All heavy atoms as atom14 arrays in JSON, in Angstrom:
{
  "sequence": "FGAMRHGKMAGSIADFTSFSFHAVKNLTTAEG",
  "atom14_mask": [
    [1, 1, 1, 1, 1, 1, 1, 1, 1, 1, 1, 0, 0, 0],
    [1, 1, 1, 1, 0, 0, 0, 0, 0, 0, 0, 0, 0, 0],
    [1, 1, 1, 1, 1, 0, 0, 0, 0, 0, 0, 0, 0, 0],
    [1, 1, 1, 1, 1, 1, 1, 1, 0, 0, 0, 0, 0, 0],
    [1, 1, 1, 1, 1, 1, 1, 1, 1, 1, 1, 0, 0, 0],
    [1, 1, 1, 1, 1, 1, 1, 1, 1, 1, 0, 0, 0, 0],
    [1, 1, 1, 1, 0, 0, 0, 0, 0, 0, 0, 0, 0, 0],
    [1, 1, 1, 1, 1, 1, 1, 1, 1, 0, 0, 0, 0, 0],
    [1, 1, 1, 1, 1, 1, 1, 1, 0, 0, 0, 0, 0, 0],
    [1, 1, 1, 1, 1, 0, 0, 0, 0, 0, 0, 0, 0, 0],
    [1, 1, 1, 1, 0, 0, 0, 0, 0, 0, 0, 0, 0, 0],
    [1, 1, 1, 1, 1, 1, 0, 0, 0, 0, 0, 0, 0, 0],
    [1, 1, 1, 1, 1, 1, 1, 1, 0, 0, 0, 0, 0, 0],
    [1, 1, 1, 1, 1, 0, 0, 0, 0, 0, 0, 0, 0, 0],
    [1, 1, 1, 1, 1, 1, 1, 1, 0, 0, 0, 0, 0, 0],
    [1, 1, 1, 1, 1, 1, 1, 1, 1, 1, 1, 0, 0, 0],
    [1, 1, 1, 1, 1, 1, 1, 0, 0, 0, 0, 0, 0, 0],
    [1, 1, 1, 1, 1, 1, 0, 0, 0, 0, 0, 0, 0, 0],
    [1, 1, 1, 1, 1, 1, 1, 1, 1, 1, 1, 0, 0, 0],
    [1, 1, 1, 1, 1, 1, 0, 0, 0, 0, 0, 0, 0, 0],
    [1, 1, 1, 1, 1, 1, 1, 1, 1, 1, 1, 0, 0, 0],
    [1, 1, 1, 1, 1, 1, 1, 1, 1, 1, 0, 0, 0, 0],
    [1, 1, 1, 1, 1, 0, 0, 0, 0, 0, 0, 0, 0, 0],
    [1, 1, 1, 1, 1, 1, 1, 0, 0, 0, 0, 0, 0, 0],
    [1, 1, 1, 1, 1, 1, 1, 1, 1, 0, 0, 0, 0, 0],
    [1, 1, 1, 1, 1, 1, 1, 1, 0, 0, 0, 0, 0, 0],
    [1, 1, 1, 1, 1, 1, 1, 1, 0, 0, 0, 0, 0, 0],
    [1, 1, 1, 1, 1, 1, 1, 0, 0, 0, 0, 0, 0, 0],
    [1, 1, 1, 1, 1, 1, 1, 0, 0, 0, 0, 0, 0, 0],
    [1, 1, 1, 1, 1, 0, 0, 0, 0, 0, 0, 0, 0, 0],
    [1, 1, 1, 1, 1, 1, 1, 1, 1, 0, 0, 0, 0, 0],
    [1, 1, 1, 1, 0, 0, 0, 0, 0, 0, 0, 0, 0, 0]
  ],
  "atom14_positions": [
    [[2.52, 0.38, 0.73], [2.12, 1.2, -0.4], [3.36, 1.79, -1.09], [4.18, 2.42, -0.47], [1.2, 2.35, 0.05], [0.59, 3.13, -1.06], [-0.41, 2.57, -1.82], [1.03, 4.43, -1.34], [-0.98, 3.31, -2.85], [0.45, 5.14, -2.37], [-0.56, 4.58, -3.15], [0.0, 0.0, 0.0], [0.0, 0.0, 0.0], [0.0, 0.0, 0.0]],
    [[3.53, 1.46, -2.34], [4.71, 1.88, -3.09], [5.83, 0.89, -3.21], [6.81, 1.12, -3.83], [0.0, 0.0, 0.0], [0.0, 0.0, 0.0], [0.0, 0.0, 0.0], [0.0, 0.0, 0.0], [0.0, 0.0, 0.0], [0.0, 0.0, 0.0], [0.0, 0.0, 0.0], [0.0, 0.0, 0.0], [0.0, 0.0, 0.0], [0.0, 0.0, 0.0]],
    [[5.62, -0.3, -2.56], [6.62, -1.35, -2.66], [6.44, -2.15, -3.95], [5.36, -2.15, -4.56], [6.52, -2.29, -1.45], [0.0, 0.0, 0.0], [0.0, 0.0, 0.0], [0.0, 0.0, 0.0], [0.0, 0.0, 0.0], [0.0, 0.0, 0.0], [0.0, 0.0, 0.0], [0.0, 0.0, 0.0], [0.0, 0.0, 0.0], [0.0, 0.0, 0.0]],
    [[7.49, -2.89, -4.36], [7.43, -3.66, -5.59], [8.1, -5.02, -5.37], [8.95, -5.17, -4.49], [8.2, -2.95, -6.69], [7.68, -1.58, -7.12], [8.67, -0.83, -8.45], [8.31, -1.95, -9.8], [0.0, 0.0, 0.0], [0.0, 0.0, 0.0], [0.0, 0.0, 0.0], [0.0, 0.0, 0.0], [0.0, 0.0, 0.0], [0.0, 0.0, 0.0]],
    [[7.71, -5.96, -6.17], [8.4, -7.26, -6.25], [8.33, -7.8, -7.67], [7.23, -7.8, -8.24], [7.79, -8.25, -5.27], [8.7, -9.5, -5.02], [8.12, -10.43, -3.98], [9.07, -11.46, -3.66], [9.79, -11.57, -2.54], [9.67, -10.64, -1.62], [10.58, -12.59, -2.33], [0.0, 0.0, 0.0], [0.0, 0.0, 0.0], [0.0, 0.0, 0.0]],
    [[9.46, -8.21, -8.19], [9.51, -8.69, -9.56], [8.89, -7.73, -10.56], [8.22, -8.14, -11.47], [8.86, -10.08, -9.69], [9.51, -11.15, -8.84], [10.84, -11.43, -8.86], [8.99, -11.98, -7.88], [11.12, -12.4, -8.0], [10.02, -12.76, -7.4], [0.0, 0.0, 0.0], [0.0, 0.0, 0.0], [0.0, 0.0, 0.0], [0.0, 0.0, 0.0]],
    [[9.09, -6.43, -10.33], [8.62, -5.43, -11.23], [7.15, -5.06, -11.15], [6.67, -4.23, -11.9], [0.0, 0.0, 0.0], [0.0, 0.0, 0.0], [0.0, 0.0, 0.0], [0.0, 0.0, 0.0], [0.0, 0.0, 0.0], [0.0, 0.0, 0.0], [0.0, 0.0, 0.0], [0.0, 0.0, 0.0], [0.0, 0.0, 0.0], [0.0, 0.0, 0.0]],
    [[6.44, -5.7, -10.19], [5.0, -5.41, -10.04], [4.79, -4.65, -8.71], [5.4, -4.95, -7.68], [4.19, -6.67, -10.03], [4.23, -7.44, -11.35], [3.34, -8.68, -11.36], [1.87, -8.28, -11.46], [1.03, -9.49, -11.58], [0.0, 0.0, 0.0], [0.0, 0.0, 0.0], [0.0, 0.0, 0.0], [0.0, 0.0, 0.0], [0.0, 0.0, 0.0]],
    [[3.88, -3.67, -8.76], [3.6, -2.88, -7.59], [2.72, -3.63, -6.62], [1.82, -4.41, -7.03], [2.88, -1.59, -8.0], [3.69, -0.65, -8.87], [5.09, 0.1, -7.95], [4.26, 1.06, -6.73], [0.0, 0.0, 0.0], [0.0, 0.0, 0.0], [0.0, 0.0, 0.0], [0.0, 0.0, 0.0], [0.0, 0.0, 0.0], [0.0, 0.0, 0.0]],
    [[2.99, -3.42, -5.32], [2.02, -3.89, -4.31], [0.64, -3.32, -4.69], [0.54, -2.14, -5.03], [2.47, -3.46, -2.92], [0.0, 0.0, 0.0], [0.0, 0.0, 0.0], [0.0, 0.0, 0.0], [0.0, 0.0, 0.0], [0.0, 0.0, 0.0], [0.0, 0.0, 0.0], [0.0, 0.0, 0.0], [0.0, 0.0, 0.0], [0.0, 0.0, 0.0]],
    [[-0.34, -4.12, -4.6], [-1.68, -3.74, -5.01], [-2.1, -4.45, -6.27], [-3.31, -4.56, -6.56], [0.0, 0.0, 0.0], [0.0, 0.0, 0.0], [0.0, 0.0, 0.0], [0.0, 0.0, 0.0], [0.0, 0.0, 0.0], [0.0, 0.0, 0.0], [0.0, 0.0, 0.0], [0.0, 0.0, 0.0], [0.0, 0.0, 0.0], [0.0, 0.0, 0.0]],
    [[-1.08, -4.94, -7.05], [-1.39, -5.65, -8.31], [-0.79, -7.05, -8.3], [-0.64, -7.64, -9.38], [-0.89, -4.84, -9.49], [0.55, -4.75, -9.46], [0.0, 0.0, 0.0], [0.0, 0.0, 0.0], [0.0, 0.0, 0.0], [0.0, 0.0, 0.0], [0.0, 0.0, 0.0], [0.0, 0.0, 0.0], [0.0, 0.0, 0.0], [0.0, 0.0, 0.0]],
    [[-0.46, -7.56, -7.13], [0.21, -8.86, -7.02], [-0.74, -9.9, -6.44], [-1.02, -10.92, -7.08], [1.49, -8.78, -6.17], [2.45, -7.75, -6.78], [2.14, -10.15, -6.04], [3.64, -7.44, -5.88], [0.0, 0.0, 0.0], [0.0, 0.0, 0.0], [0.0, 0.0, 0.0], [0.0, 0.0, 0.0], [0.0, 0.0, 0.0], [0.0, 0.0, 0.0]],
    [[-1.21, -9.68, -5.23], [-2.21, -10.57, -4.62], [-3.57, -10.38, -5.34], [-3.78, -9.39, -6.09], [-2.34, -10.27, -3.15], [0.0, 0.0, 0.0], [0.0, 0.0, 0.0], [0.0, 0.0, 0.0], [0.0, 0.0, 0.0], [0.0, 0.0, 0.0], [0.0, 0.0, 0.0], [0.0, 0.0, 0.0], [0.0, 0.0, 0.0], [0.0, 0.0, 0.0]],
    [[-4.5, -11.29, -5.07], [-5.83, -11.13, -5.66], [-6.48, -9.85, -5.2], [-7.07, -9.12, -6.01], [-6.73, -12.32, -5.24], [-6.21, -13.64, -5.78], [-5.78, -13.7, -6.98], [-6.24, -14.65, -5.05], [0.0, 0.0, 0.0], [0.0, 0.0, 0.0], [0.0, 0.0, 0.0], [0.0, 0.0, 0.0], [0.0, 0.0, 0.0], [0.0, 0.0, 0.0]],
    [[-6.4, -9.56, -3.9], [-6.89, -8.33, -3.33], [-5.82, -7.8, -2.38], [-5.08, -8.6, -1.78], [-8.2, -8.57, -2.51], [-9.38, -8.91, -3.36], [-9.57, -10.22, -3.78], [-10.34, -7.96, -3.69], [-10.67, -10.55, -4.54], [-11.42, -8.3, -4.48], [-11.59, -9.6, -4.9], [0.0, 0.0, 0.0], [0.0, 0.0, 0.0], [0.0, 0.0, 0.0]],
    [[-5.72, -6.47, -2.27], [-4.71, -5.86, -1.41], [-5.26, -4.72, -0.64], [-5.91, -3.82, -1.21], [-3.51, -5.37, -2.27], [-2.96, -6.45, -3.02], [-2.45, -4.76, -1.39], [0.0, 0.0, 0.0], [0.0, 0.0, 0.0], [0.0, 0.0, 0.0], [0.0, 0.0, 0.0], [0.0, 0.0, 0.0], [0.0, 0.0, 0.0], [0.0, 0.0, 0.0]],
    [[-5.01, -4.69, 0.67], [-5.46, -3.57, 1.5], [-4.22, -2.73, 1.91], [-3.14, -3.28, 2.19], [-6.16, -4.06, 2.77], [-5.26, -4.75, 3.61], [0.0, 0.0, 0.0], [0.0, 0.0, 0.0], [0.0, 0.0, 0.0], [0.0, 0.0, 0.0], [0.0, 0.0, 0.0], [0.0, 0.0, 0.0], [0.0, 0.0, 0.0], [0.0, 0.0, 0.0]],
    [[-4.43, -1.41, 1.88], [-3.4, -0.46, 2.29], [-3.89, 0.38, 3.46], [-5.11, 0.64, 3.55], [-3.02, 0.48, 1.16], [-2.39, -0.19, -0.04], [-3.08, -0.3, -1.23], [-1.12, -0.69, 0.04], [-2.51, -0.87, -2.33], [-0.53, -1.29, -1.11], [-1.24, -1.41, -2.25], [0.0, 0.0, 0.0], [0.0, 0.0, 0.0], [0.0, 0.0, 0.0]],
    [[-2.95, 0.86, 4.27], [-3.31, 1.77, 5.36], [-2.73, 3.16, 5.11], [-1.58, 3.28, 4.66], [-2.76, 1.25, 6.68], [-2.93, 2.22, 7.71], [0.0, 0.0, 0.0], [0.0, 0.0, 0.0], [0.0, 0.0, 0.0], [0.0, 0.0, 0.0], [0.0, 0.0, 0.0], [0.0, 0.0, 0.0], [0.0, 0.0, 0.0], [0.0, 0.0, 0.0]],
    [[-3.54, 4.17, 5.38], [-3.09, 5.57, 5.34], [-3.21, 6.23, 6.73], [-3.49, 7.41, 6.82], [-3.87, 6.34, 4.29], [-3.85, 5.75, 2.88], [-5.02, 5.6, 2.15], [-2.68, 5.25, 2.36], [-4.98, 5.04, 0.87], [-2.63, 4.68, 1.09], [-3.8, 4.57, 0.36], [0.0, 0.0, 0.0], [0.0, 0.0, 0.0], [0.0, 0.0, 0.0]],
    [[-3.05, 5.41, 7.73], [-3.1, 5.88, 9.1], [-2.01, 6.96, 9.36], [-1.07, 7.1, 8.58], [-2.87, 4.69, 10.05], [-2.92, 5.05, 11.51], [-1.76, 5.28, 12.22], [-3.95, 5.13, 12.39], [-2.12, 5.55, 13.49], [-3.41, 5.47, 13.62], [0.0, 0.0, 0.0], [0.0, 0.0, 0.0], [0.0, 0.0, 0.0], [0.0, 0.0, 0.0]],
    [[-2.14, 7.66, 10.44], [-1.26, 8.79, 10.72], [0.23, 8.4, 10.76], [1.09, 9.24, 10.48], [-1.67, 9.46, 12.04], [0.0, 0.0, 0.0], [0.0, 0.0, 0.0], [0.0, 0.0, 0.0], [0.0, 0.0, 0.0], [0.0, 0.0, 0.0], [0.0, 0.0, 0.0], [0.0, 0.0, 0.0], [0.0, 0.0, 0.0], [0.0, 0.0, 0.0]],
    [[0.55, 7.15, 11.13], [1.97, 6.78, 11.21], [2.48, 6.15, 9.92], [3.67, 5.79, 9.83], [2.18, 5.75, 12.34], [1.75, 6.36, 13.68], [1.47, 4.44, 12.09], [0.0, 0.0, 0.0], [0.0, 0.0, 0.0], [0.0, 0.0, 0.0], [0.0, 0.0, 0.0], [0.0, 0.0, 0.0], [0.0, 0.0, 0.0], [0.0, 0.0, 0.0]],
    [[1.66, 6.05, 8.88], [2.09, 5.4, 7.65], [2.87, 6.35, 6.75], [2.8, 7.58, 6.9], [0.91, 4.8, 6.9], [0.19, 3.7, 7.7], [1.14, 2.55, 8.05], [0.41, 1.34, 8.61], [-0.17, 1.54, 9.92], [0.0, 0.0, 0.0], [0.0, 0.0, 0.0], [0.0, 0.0, 0.0], [0.0, 0.0, 0.0], [0.0, 0.0, 0.0]],
    [[3.57, 5.78, 5.76], [4.39, 6.59, 4.83], [3.58, 7.68, 4.19], [4.01, 8.83, 3.99], [4.94, 5.71, 3.72], [5.96, 4.69, 4.2], [6.05, 4.4, 5.38], [6.7, 4.11, 3.27], [0.0, 0.0, 0.0], [0.0, 0.0, 0.0], [0.0, 0.0, 0.0], [0.0, 0.0, 0.0], [0.0, 0.0, 0.0], [0.0, 0.0, 0.0]],
    [[2.41, 7.3, 3.71], [1.45, 8.21, 3.08], [0.23, 8.21, 3.99], [-0.36, 7.15, 4.23], [1.08, 7.75, 1.67], [0.15, 8.66, 0.83], [0.43, 8.49, -0.63], [-1.3, 8.41, 1.12], [0.0, 0.0, 0.0], [0.0, 0.0, 0.0], [0.0, 0.0, 0.0], [0.0, 0.0, 0.0], [0.0, 0.0, 0.0], [0.0, 0.0, 0.0]],
    [[-0.18, 9.38, 4.47], [-1.26, 9.45, 5.44], [-2.42, 10.26, 4.95], [-2.26, 11.22, 4.16], [-0.75, 10.02, 6.77], [-1.83, 9.93, 7.73], [-0.31, 11.48, 6.63], [0.0, 0.0, 0.0], [0.0, 0.0, 0.0], [0.0, 0.0, 0.0], [0.0, 0.0, 0.0], [0.0, 0.0, 0.0], [0.0, 0.0, 0.0], [0.0, 0.0, 0.0]],
    [[-3.62, 9.86, 5.39], [-4.82, 10.69, 5.27], [-5.4, 10.91, 6.64], [-6.58, 11.13, 6.79], [-5.87, 10.02, 4.36], [-6.19, 8.72, 4.87], [-5.32, 9.91, 2.92], [0.0, 0.0, 0.0], [0.0, 0.0, 0.0], [0.0, 0.0, 0.0], [0.0, 0.0, 0.0], [0.0, 0.0, 0.0], [0.0, 0.0, 0.0], [0.0, 0.0, 0.0]],
    [[-4.58, 10.83, 7.69], [-4.9, 10.91, 9.11], [-5.4, 9.52, 9.57], [-4.75, 8.88, 10.42], [-5.9, 12.01, 9.43], [0.0, 0.0, 0.0], [0.0, 0.0, 0.0], [0.0, 0.0, 0.0], [0.0, 0.0, 0.0], [0.0, 0.0, 0.0], [0.0, 0.0, 0.0], [0.0, 0.0, 0.0], [0.0, 0.0, 0.0], [0.0, 0.0, 0.0]],
    [[-6.56, 9.13, 9.18], [-6.99, 7.73, 9.15], [-7.25, 7.42, 7.71], [-7.22, 8.29, 6.87], [-8.26, 7.55, 10.01], [-8.08, 7.81, 11.5], [-7.4, 6.69, 12.24], [-7.19, 5.6, 11.64], [-7.02, 6.91, 13.39], [0.0, 0.0, 0.0], [0.0, 0.0, 0.0], [0.0, 0.0, 0.0], [0.0, 0.0, 0.0], [0.0, 0.0, 0.0]],
    [[-7.54, 6.18, 7.4], [-7.85, 5.88, 6.03], [-7.19, 4.61, 5.52], [-6.21, 4.16, 6.08], [0.0, 0.0, 0.0], [0.0, 0.0, 0.0], [0.0, 0.0, 0.0], [0.0, 0.0, 0.0], [0.0, 0.0, 0.0], [0.0, 0.0, 0.0], [0.0, 0.0, 0.0], [0.0, 0.0, 0.0], [0.0, 0.0, 0.0], [0.0, 0.0, 0.0]]
  ]
}
């Protein structure tokens, strides 16, 4: 989450993109 490649954000590159907001991730919602 927040990474980029060739000027495009992760989340808008692949057809579908899943992100984690688990407690150990950069951005957390505890789980999520």
